[in-house]
Amino acid sequence: MTVPVLEMRSIVKTFPGVKALSDVSLTVAEGEVHALCGENGAGKSTLMKVLSGVHPHGSYEGEIRFRGERCAFKDIRASEARGIVIIHQELALVPYLSIAENIFLGNEHANHGFISWNETLRHAAALLERVGLREHPQTRVADIGVGKQQLVEIAKALAKKVELLILDEPTAALNDEDSAQLISLIKELKGQGISSIIISHKLGEIAAVADSVTVIRDGRTVETL
């Protein structure tokens, strides 16, 4: 029997005065695109913040297993080190830094305390080619549109050797052309063995890209299809 890339079992997350998640379970197969659906406030983003360590181990009940191993992520850096990378709906890029600087921010190519810019630009260019973004690595993020910024975020995830990519409403602010390009890229990454979880309200988009869909309502798992 093939071990799932991810299992979240009986997750319960409570904030003061409200239970955001009640016994939620989620299983993602190796190499699949798994959609997470539900109304605003259903608990989708909270579940992904639990998975990625934004809500650290100890602040919730339940169990997370990644490739069969039990995980207890204390923060987002711990989940990224394991290959789980989340891209939030509000992009976490620094507008007045270059694309290359954003891709490797906090993960710089450095020797003896000095950044190797040749290596940084070379590696950034390779990642931009991989995500289909035709921009110079030294271009400021403030000078490119939000669709291209999404691709920079994915390039940043690839630089962290992502194995499970989480995208929270990735096309919410994109036009149809940029949305189609992003969906195409998610399919390409699947072909490269990268599993994805995508939160989306766009059912046509989900039908186009997802292998499985889990529906969450009022903090509970309804069904996986």
C-alpha atoms as a PDB file:
ATOM      1  CA  MET A   1       0.000   0.000   0.000  1.00  0.00           C
ATOM      2  CA  THR A   2       1.360   3.426  -0.996  1.00  0.00           C
ATOM      3  CA  VAL A   3       1.933   5.798   1.915  1.00  0.00           C
ATOM      4  CA  PRO A   4       0.148   9.157   1.394  1.00  0.00           C
ATOM      5  CA  VAL A   5       2.372  12.206   1.170  1.00  0.00           C
ATOM      6  CA  LEU A   6       0.227  13.834   3.885  1.00  0.00           C
ATOM      7  CA  GLU A   7      -2.207  12.715   6.568  1.00  0.00           C
ATOM      8  CA  MET A   8      -3.892  15.113   8.967  1.00  0.00           C
ATOM      9  CA  ARG A   9      -5.918  13.208  11.541  1.00  0.00           C
ATOM     10  CA  SER A  10      -8.653  14.579  13.812  1.00  0.00           C
ATOM     11  CA  ILE A  11      -7.350  18.153  13.884  1.00  0.00           C
ATOM     12  CA  VAL A  12      -8.974  20.421  16.468  1.00  0.00           C
ATOM     13  CA  LYS A  13      -8.033  24.100  16.698  1.00  0.00           C
ATOM     14  CA  THR A  14      -9.613  26.478  19.198  1.00  0.00           C
ATOM     15  CA  PHE A  15      -9.268  30.240  19.495  1.00  0.00           C
ATOM     16  CA  PRO A  16     -10.650  32.204  22.467  1.00  0.00           C
ATOM     17  CA  GLY A  17     -14.403  31.780  22.297  1.00  0.00           C
ATOM     18  CA  VAL A  18     -14.515  29.809  19.039  1.00  0.00           C
ATOM     19  CA  LYS A  19     -13.665  26.314  17.820  1.00  0.00           C
ATOM     20  CA  ALA A  20     -12.249  26.898  14.318  1.00  0.00           C
ATOM     21  CA  LEU A  21     -11.617  23.220  13.512  1.00  0.00           C
ATOM     22  CA  SER A  22     -13.488  20.214  14.911  1.00  0.00           C
ATOM     23  CA  ASP A  23     -12.099  16.762  14.115  1.00  0.00           C
ATOM     24  CA  VAL A  24     -10.894  17.634  10.587  1.00  0.00           C
ATOM     25  CA  SER A  25      -9.008  14.995   8.603  1.00  0.00           C
ATOM     26  CA  LEU A  26      -7.222  15.340   5.260  1.00  0.00           C
ATOM     27  CA  THR A  27      -5.235  12.872   3.162  1.00  0.00           C
ATOM     28  CA  VAL A  28      -3.159  13.881   0.124  1.00  0.00           C
ATOM     29  CA  ALA A  29      -1.788  11.216  -2.198  1.00  0.00           C
ATOM     30  CA  GLU A  30       1.716  11.316  -3.637  1.00  0.00           C
ATOM     31  CA  GLY A  31       1.927  13.621  -6.658  1.00  0.00           C
ATOM     32  CA  GLU A  32      -1.698  14.774  -6.640  1.00  0.00           C
ATOM     33  CA  VAL A  33      -3.323  18.198  -6.698  1.00  0.00           C
ATOM     34  CA  HIS A  34      -5.806  18.287  -3.827  1.00  0.00           C
ATOM     35  CA  ALA A  35      -8.389  21.078  -3.636  1.00  0.00           C
ATOM     36  CA  LEU A  36      -9.774  22.373  -0.342  1.00  0.00           C
ATOM     37  CA  CYS A  37     -13.229  23.929  -0.643  1.00  0.00           C
ATOM     38  CA  GLY A  38     -15.750  25.600   1.626  1.00  0.00           C
ATOM     39  CA  GLU A  39     -17.325  28.926   2.473  1.00  0.00           C
ATOM     40  CA  ASN A  40     -15.397  31.840   3.965  1.00  0.00           C
ATOM     41  CA  GLY A  41     -14.776  31.023   7.610  1.00  0.00           C
ATOM     42  CA  ALA A  42     -15.112  27.267   7.106  1.00  0.00           C
ATOM     43  CA  GLY A  43     -11.578  26.684   8.425  1.00  0.00           C
ATOM     44  CA  LYS A  44      -9.596  26.033   5.241  1.00  0.00           C
ATOM     45  CA  SER A  45      -6.825  28.561   5.829  1.00  0.00           C
ATOM     46  CA  THR A  46      -6.677  27.684   9.536  1.00  0.00           C
ATOM     47  CA  LEU A  47      -6.104  24.022   8.638  1.00  0.00           C
ATOM     48  CA  MET A  48      -3.243  24.963   6.319  1.00  0.00           C
ATOM     49  CA  LYS A  49      -1.721  27.223   8.980  1.00  0.00           C
ATOM     50  CA  VAL A  50      -1.773  24.240  11.341  1.00  0.00           C
ATOM     51  CA  LEU A  51      -0.044  22.131   8.700  1.00  0.00           C
ATOM     52  CA  SER A  52       2.642  24.716   7.921  1.00  0.00           C
ATOM     53  CA  GLY A  53       3.521  25.582  11.518  1.00  0.00           C
ATOM     54  CA  VAL A  54       1.992  29.059  11.509  1.00  0.00           C
ATOM     55  CA  HIS A  55      -0.100  27.574  14.329  1.00  0.00           C
ATOM     56  CA  PRO A  56       2.653  25.528  16.033  1.00  0.00           C
ATOM     57  CA  HIS A  57       2.503  22.026  17.442  1.00  0.00           C
ATOM     58  CA  GLY A  58       0.925  22.189  20.881  1.00  0.00           C
ATOM     59  CA  SER A  59      -1.604  24.854  19.902  1.00  0.00           C
ATOM     60  CA  TYR A  60      -3.924  22.261  18.333  1.00  0.00           C
ATOM     61  CA  GLU A  61      -5.064  18.679  18.884  1.00  0.00           C
ATOM     62  CA  GLY A  62      -4.625  15.833  16.399  1.00  0.00           C
ATOM     63  CA  GLU A  63      -1.806  14.358  14.372  1.00  0.00           C
ATOM     64  CA  ILE A  64       0.110  15.310  11.227  1.00  0.00           C
ATOM     65  CA  ARG A  65       2.067  12.720   9.257  1.00  0.00           C
ATOM     66  CA  PHE A  66       4.254  13.606   6.283  1.00  0.00           C
ATOM     67  CA  ARG A  67       5.465  10.655   4.219  1.00  0.00           C
ATOM     68  CA  GLY A  68       4.472   8.397   7.102  1.00  0.00           C
ATOM     69  CA  GLU A  69       6.470  10.267   9.736  1.00  0.00           C
ATOM     70  CA  ARG A  70       4.753  12.091  12.576  1.00  0.00           C
ATOM     71  CA  CYS A  71       5.461  15.839  12.488  1.00  0.00           C
ATOM     72  CA  ALA A  72       5.517  18.465  15.241  1.00  0.00           C
ATOM     73  CA  PHE A  73       6.364  21.733  13.487  1.00  0.00           C
ATOM     74  CA  LYS A  74       7.236  24.528  15.928  1.00  0.00           C
ATOM     75  CA  ASP A  75       7.153  27.211  13.228  1.00  0.00           C
ATOM     76  CA  ILE A  76       7.018  27.800   9.485  1.00  0.00           C
ATOM     77  CA  ARG A  77      10.771  27.327   9.045  1.00  0.00           C
ATOM     78  CA  ALA A  78      10.450  23.827  10.470  1.00  0.00           C
ATOM     79  CA  SER A  79       7.764  22.852   7.942  1.00  0.00           C
ATOM     80  CA  GLU A  80       9.751  24.401   5.082  1.00  0.00           C
ATOM     81  CA  ALA A  81      12.822  22.422   6.103  1.00  0.00           C
ATOM     82  CA  ARG A  82      10.677  19.294   5.682  1.00  0.00           C
ATOM     83  CA  GLY A  83       9.568  20.391   2.189  1.00  0.00           C
ATOM     84  CA  ILE A  84       6.133  21.867   2.992  1.00  0.00           C
ATOM     85  CA  VAL A  85       5.794  25.439   1.693  1.00  0.00           C
ATOM     86  CA  ILE A  86       2.706  27.654   1.949  1.00  0.00           C
ATOM     87  CA  ILE A  87       1.967  30.642  -0.286  1.00  0.00           C
ATOM     88  CA  HIS A  88      -0.569  32.853   1.456  1.00  0.00           C
ATOM     89  CA  GLN A  89      -3.238  34.871  -0.326  1.00  0.00           C
ATOM     90  CA  GLU A  90      -1.404  38.027   0.809  1.00  0.00           C
ATOM     91  CA  LEU A  91       1.955  37.602  -0.946  1.00  0.00           C
ATOM     92  CA  ALA A  92       5.012  37.860   1.323  1.00  0.00           C
ATOM     93  CA  LEU A  93       7.360  39.680  -1.054  1.00  0.00           C
ATOM     94  CA  VAL A  94       9.416  42.810  -0.378  1.00  0.00           C
ATOM     95  CA  PRO A  95       8.487  45.211  -3.208  1.00  0.00           C
ATOM     96  CA  TYR A  96      11.698  47.240  -3.291  1.00  0.00           C
ATOM     97  CA  LEU A  97      14.010  44.227  -3.393  1.00  0.00           C
ATOM     98  CA  SER A  98      14.815  42.443  -6.637  1.00  0.00           C
ATOM     99  CA  ILE A  99      13.219  39.179  -7.731  1.00  0.00           C
ATOM    100  CA  ALA A 100      16.439  37.322  -6.927  1.00  0.00           C
ATOM    101  CA  GLU A 101      16.727  38.927  -3.482  1.00  0.00           C
ATOM    102  CA  ASN A 102      13.130  37.947  -2.700  1.00  0.00           C
ATOM    103  CA  ILE A 103      13.608  34.360  -3.858  1.00  0.00           C
ATOM    104  CA  PHE A 104      16.540  33.804  -1.506  1.00  0.00           C
ATOM    105  CA  LEU A 105      15.555  36.148   1.328  1.00  0.00           C
ATOM    106  CA  GLY A 106      16.576  34.374   4.529  1.00  0.00           C
ATOM    107  CA  ASN A 107      18.162  31.619   2.462  1.00  0.00           C
ATOM    108  CA  GLU A 108      21.008  33.556   0.819  1.00  0.00           C
ATOM    109  CA  HIS A 109      23.900  32.085  -1.149  1.00  0.00           C
ATOM    110  CA  ALA A 110      26.746  33.249   1.088  1.00  0.00           C
ATOM    111  CA  ASN A 111      30.377  32.411   1.763  1.00  0.00           C
ATOM    112  CA  HIS A 112      32.072  33.622   4.958  1.00  0.00           C
ATOM    113  CA  GLY A 113      29.303  36.148   5.517  1.00  0.00           C
ATOM    114  CA  PHE A 114      29.356  37.607   1.992  1.00  0.00           C
ATOM    115  CA  ILE A 115      26.545  37.027  -0.517  1.00  0.00           C
ATOM    116  CA  SER A 116      27.629  35.425  -3.788  1.00  0.00           C
ATOM    117  CA  TRP A 117      25.657  37.530  -6.260  1.00  0.00           C
ATOM    118  CA  ASN A 118      26.812  35.587  -9.327  1.00  0.00           C
ATOM    119  CA  GLU A 119      25.515  32.348  -7.823  1.00  0.00           C
ATOM    120  CA  THR A 120      22.342  34.075  -6.610  1.00  0.00           C
ATOM    121  CA  LEU A 121      21.506  35.512 -10.046  1.00  0.00           C
ATOM    122  CA  ARG A 122      22.383  32.278 -11.855  1.00  0.00           C
ATOM    123  CA  HIS A 123      20.220  30.156  -9.577  1.00  0.00           C
ATOM    124  CA  ALA A 124      17.377  32.710  -9.672  1.00  0.00           C
ATOM    125  CA  ALA A 125      17.433  32.758 -13.484  1.00  0.00           C
ATOM    126  CA  ALA A 126      17.133  28.960 -13.553  1.00  0.00           C
ATOM    127  CA  LEU A 127      14.161  29.057 -11.169  1.00  0.00           C
ATOM    128  CA  LEU A 128      12.431  31.802 -13.190  1.00  0.00           C
ATOM    129  CA  GLU A 129      12.824  29.711 -16.322  1.00  0.00           C
ATOM    130  CA  ARG A 130      11.329  26.755 -14.495  1.00  0.00           C
ATOM    131  CA  VAL A 131       8.177  28.722 -13.579  1.00  0.00           C
ATOM    132  CA  GLY A 132       7.959  30.389 -16.998  1.00  0.00           C
ATOM    133  CA  LEU A 133       8.664  33.958 -15.854  1.00  0.00           C
ATOM    134  CA  ARG A 134      10.603  35.977 -18.410  1.00  0.00           C
ATOM    135  CA  GLU A 135      11.992  38.707 -16.195  1.00  0.00           C
ATOM    136  CA  HIS A 136      15.566  39.578 -15.273  1.00  0.00           C
ATOM    137  CA  PRO A 137      16.400  38.402 -11.729  1.00  0.00           C
ATOM    138  CA  GLN A 138      17.463  41.955 -10.826  1.00  0.00           C
ATOM    139  CA  THR A 139      14.045  43.430 -11.676  1.00  0.00           C
ATOM    140  CA  ARG A 140      12.339  44.968  -8.632  1.00  0.00           C
ATOM    141  CA  VAL A 141       9.231  43.104  -7.478  1.00  0.00           C
ATOM    142  CA  ALA A 142       7.408  46.472  -7.328  1.00  0.00           C
ATOM    143  CA  ASP A 143       7.831  46.727 -11.112  1.00  0.00           C
ATOM    144  CA  ILE A 144       5.982  43.507 -12.011  1.00  0.00           C
ATOM    145  CA  GLY A 145       2.285  42.658 -11.820  1.00  0.00           C
ATOM    146  CA  VAL A 146       0.588  40.453  -9.234  1.00  0.00           C
ATOM    147  CA  GLY A 147       0.419  37.494 -11.629  1.00  0.00           C
ATOM    148  CA  LYS A 148       4.185  37.548 -12.047  1.00  0.00           C
ATOM    149  CA  GLN A 149       4.589  38.011  -8.299  1.00  0.00           C
ATOM    150  CA  GLN A 150       2.723  34.727  -7.778  1.00  0.00           C
ATOM    151  CA  LEU A 151       5.286  33.045 -10.029  1.00  0.00           C
ATOM    152  CA  VAL A 152       8.095  34.599  -7.965  1.00  0.00           C
ATOM    153  CA  GLU A 153       6.509  33.085  -4.838  1.00  0.00           C
ATOM    154  CA  ILE A 154       6.456  29.675  -6.503  1.00  0.00           C
ATOM    155  CA  ALA A 155      10.079  30.095  -7.610  1.00  0.00           C
ATOM    156  CA  LYS A 156      10.872  30.930  -3.982  1.00  0.00           C
ATOM    157  CA  ALA A 157       9.146  27.705  -2.912  1.00  0.00           C
ATOM    158  CA  LEU A 158      11.119  25.696  -5.469  1.00  0.00           C
ATOM    159  CA  ALA A 159      14.337  27.190  -4.076  1.00  0.00           C
ATOM    160  CA  LYS A 160      13.371  25.601  -0.751  1.00  0.00           C
ATOM    161  CA  LYS A 161      13.100  22.165  -2.426  1.00  0.00           C
ATOM    162  CA  VAL A 162       9.334  22.003  -1.961  1.00  0.00           C
ATOM    163  CA  GLU A 163       7.644  18.587  -1.909  1.00  0.00           C
ATOM    164  CA  LEU A 164       4.155  19.771  -0.895  1.00  0.00           C
ATOM    165  CA  LEU A 165       3.062  23.208  -2.133  1.00  0.00           C
ATOM    166  CA  ILE A 166       0.098  24.920  -0.445  1.00  0.00           C
ATOM    167  CA  LEU A 167      -1.615  27.722  -2.378  1.00  0.00           C
ATOM    168  CA  ASP A 168      -4.255  29.773  -0.566  1.00  0.00           C
ATOM    169  CA  GLU A 169      -6.609  31.379  -3.114  1.00  0.00           C
ATOM    170  CA  PRO A 170      -3.738  31.806  -5.602  1.00  0.00           C
ATOM    171  CA  THR A 171      -5.864  33.225  -8.443  1.00  0.00           C
ATOM    172  CA  ALA A 172      -8.149  35.498  -6.383  1.00  0.00           C
ATOM    173  CA  ALA A 173      -6.419  38.679  -7.600  1.00  0.00           C
ATOM    174  CA  LEU A 174      -5.422  37.420 -11.066  1.00  0.00           C
ATOM    175  CA  ASN A 175      -6.996  38.011 -14.462  1.00  0.00           C
ATOM    176  CA  ASP A 176      -8.042  35.067 -16.627  1.00  0.00           C
ATOM    177  CA  GLU A 177      -4.758  34.908 -18.544  1.00  0.00           C
ATOM    178  CA  ASP A 178      -2.583  34.918 -15.417  1.00  0.00           C
ATOM    179  CA  SER A 179      -4.908  32.387 -13.754  1.00  0.00           C
ATOM    180  CA  ALA A 180      -4.605  30.024 -16.703  1.00  0.00           C
ATOM    181  CA  GLN A 181      -0.806  30.330 -16.629  1.00  0.00           C
ATOM    182  CA  LEU A 182      -0.722  29.538 -12.911  1.00  0.00           C
ATOM    183  CA  ILE A 183      -2.997  26.504 -13.291  1.00  0.00           C
ATOM    184  CA  SER A 184      -0.784  25.262 -16.123  1.00  0.00           C
ATOM    185  CA  LEU A 185       2.277  25.640 -13.890  1.00  0.00           C
ATOM    186  CA  ILE A 186       0.630  23.651 -11.068  1.00  0.00           C
ATOM    187  CA  LYS A 187       0.043  20.847 -13.571  1.00  0.00           C
ATOM    188  CA  GLU A 188       3.688  21.013 -14.680  1.00  0.00           C
ATOM    189  CA  LEU A 189       4.872  20.808 -11.073  1.00  0.00           C
ATOM    190  CA  LYS A 190       2.661  17.771 -10.579  1.00  0.00           C
ATOM    191  CA  GLY A 191       4.478  16.153 -13.510  1.00  0.00           C
ATOM    192  CA  GLN A 192       7.726  16.849 -11.645  1.00  0.00           C
ATOM    193  CA  GLY A 193       6.450  14.963  -8.591  1.00  0.00           C
ATOM    194  CA  ILE A 194       5.396  17.960  -6.493  1.00  0.00           C
ATOM    195  CA  SER A 195       2.094  17.509  -4.656  1.00  0.00           C
ATOM    196  CA  SER A 196      -0.143  20.546  -4.143  1.00  0.00           C
ATOM    197  CA  ILE A 197      -3.015  21.667  -1.967  1.00  0.00           C
ATOM    198  CA  ILE A 198      -5.020  24.512  -3.494  1.00  0.00           C
ATOM    199  CA  ILE A 199      -7.695  26.526  -1.693  1.00  0.00           C
ATOM    200  CA  SER A 200     -10.119  28.043  -4.163  1.00  0.00           C
ATOM    201  CA  HIS A 201     -13.708  29.206  -4.563  1.00  0.00           C
ATOM    202  CA  LYS A 202     -13.522  28.882  -8.364  1.00  0.00           C
ATOM    203  CA  LEU A 203     -15.161  25.547  -9.192  1.00  0.00           C
ATOM    204  CA  GLY A 204     -14.154  25.651 -12.859  1.00  0.00           C
ATOM    205  CA  GLU A 205     -10.545  26.070 -11.803  1.00  0.00           C
ATOM    206  CA  ILE A 206     -10.833  23.146  -9.385  1.00  0.00           C
ATOM    207  CA  ALA A 207     -12.355  20.941 -12.081  1.00  0.00           C
ATOM    208  CA  ALA A 208      -9.457  21.829 -14.376  1.00  0.00           C
ATOM    209  CA  VAL A 209      -6.599  21.063 -12.007  1.00  0.00           C
ATOM    210  CA  ALA A 210      -7.632  18.978  -8.978  1.00  0.00           C
ATOM    211  CA  ASP A 211      -7.412  15.194  -8.639  1.00  0.00           C
ATOM    212  CA  SER A 212      -9.320  15.203  -5.335  1.00  0.00           C
ATOM    213  CA  VAL A 213     -11.494  17.677  -3.446  1.00  0.00           C
ATOM    214  CA  THR A 214     -12.087  17.883   0.305  1.00  0.00           C
ATOM    215  CA  VAL A 215     -15.064  19.974   1.431  1.00  0.00           C
ATOM    216  CA  ILE A 216     -15.007  21.678   4.826  1.00  0.00           C
ATOM    217  CA  ARG A 217     -18.058  23.269   6.428  1.00  0.00           C
ATOM    218  CA  ASP A 218     -18.155  25.028   9.807  1.00  0.00           C
ATOM    219  CA  GLY A 219     -14.787  23.628  10.814  1.00  0.00           C
ATOM    220  CA  ARG A 220     -15.654  20.015   9.976  1.00  0.00           C
ATOM    221  CA  THR A 221     -14.772  17.691   7.124  1.00  0.00           C
ATOM    222  CA  VAL A 222     -17.867  17.003   5.023  1.00  0.00           C
ATOM    223  CA  GLU A 223     -16.477  14.675   2.361  1.00  0.00           C
ATOM    224  CA  THR A 224     -13.549  13.970   0.054  1.00  0.00           C
ATOM    225  CA  LEU A 225     -14.392  13.372  -3.608  1.00  0.00           C
END
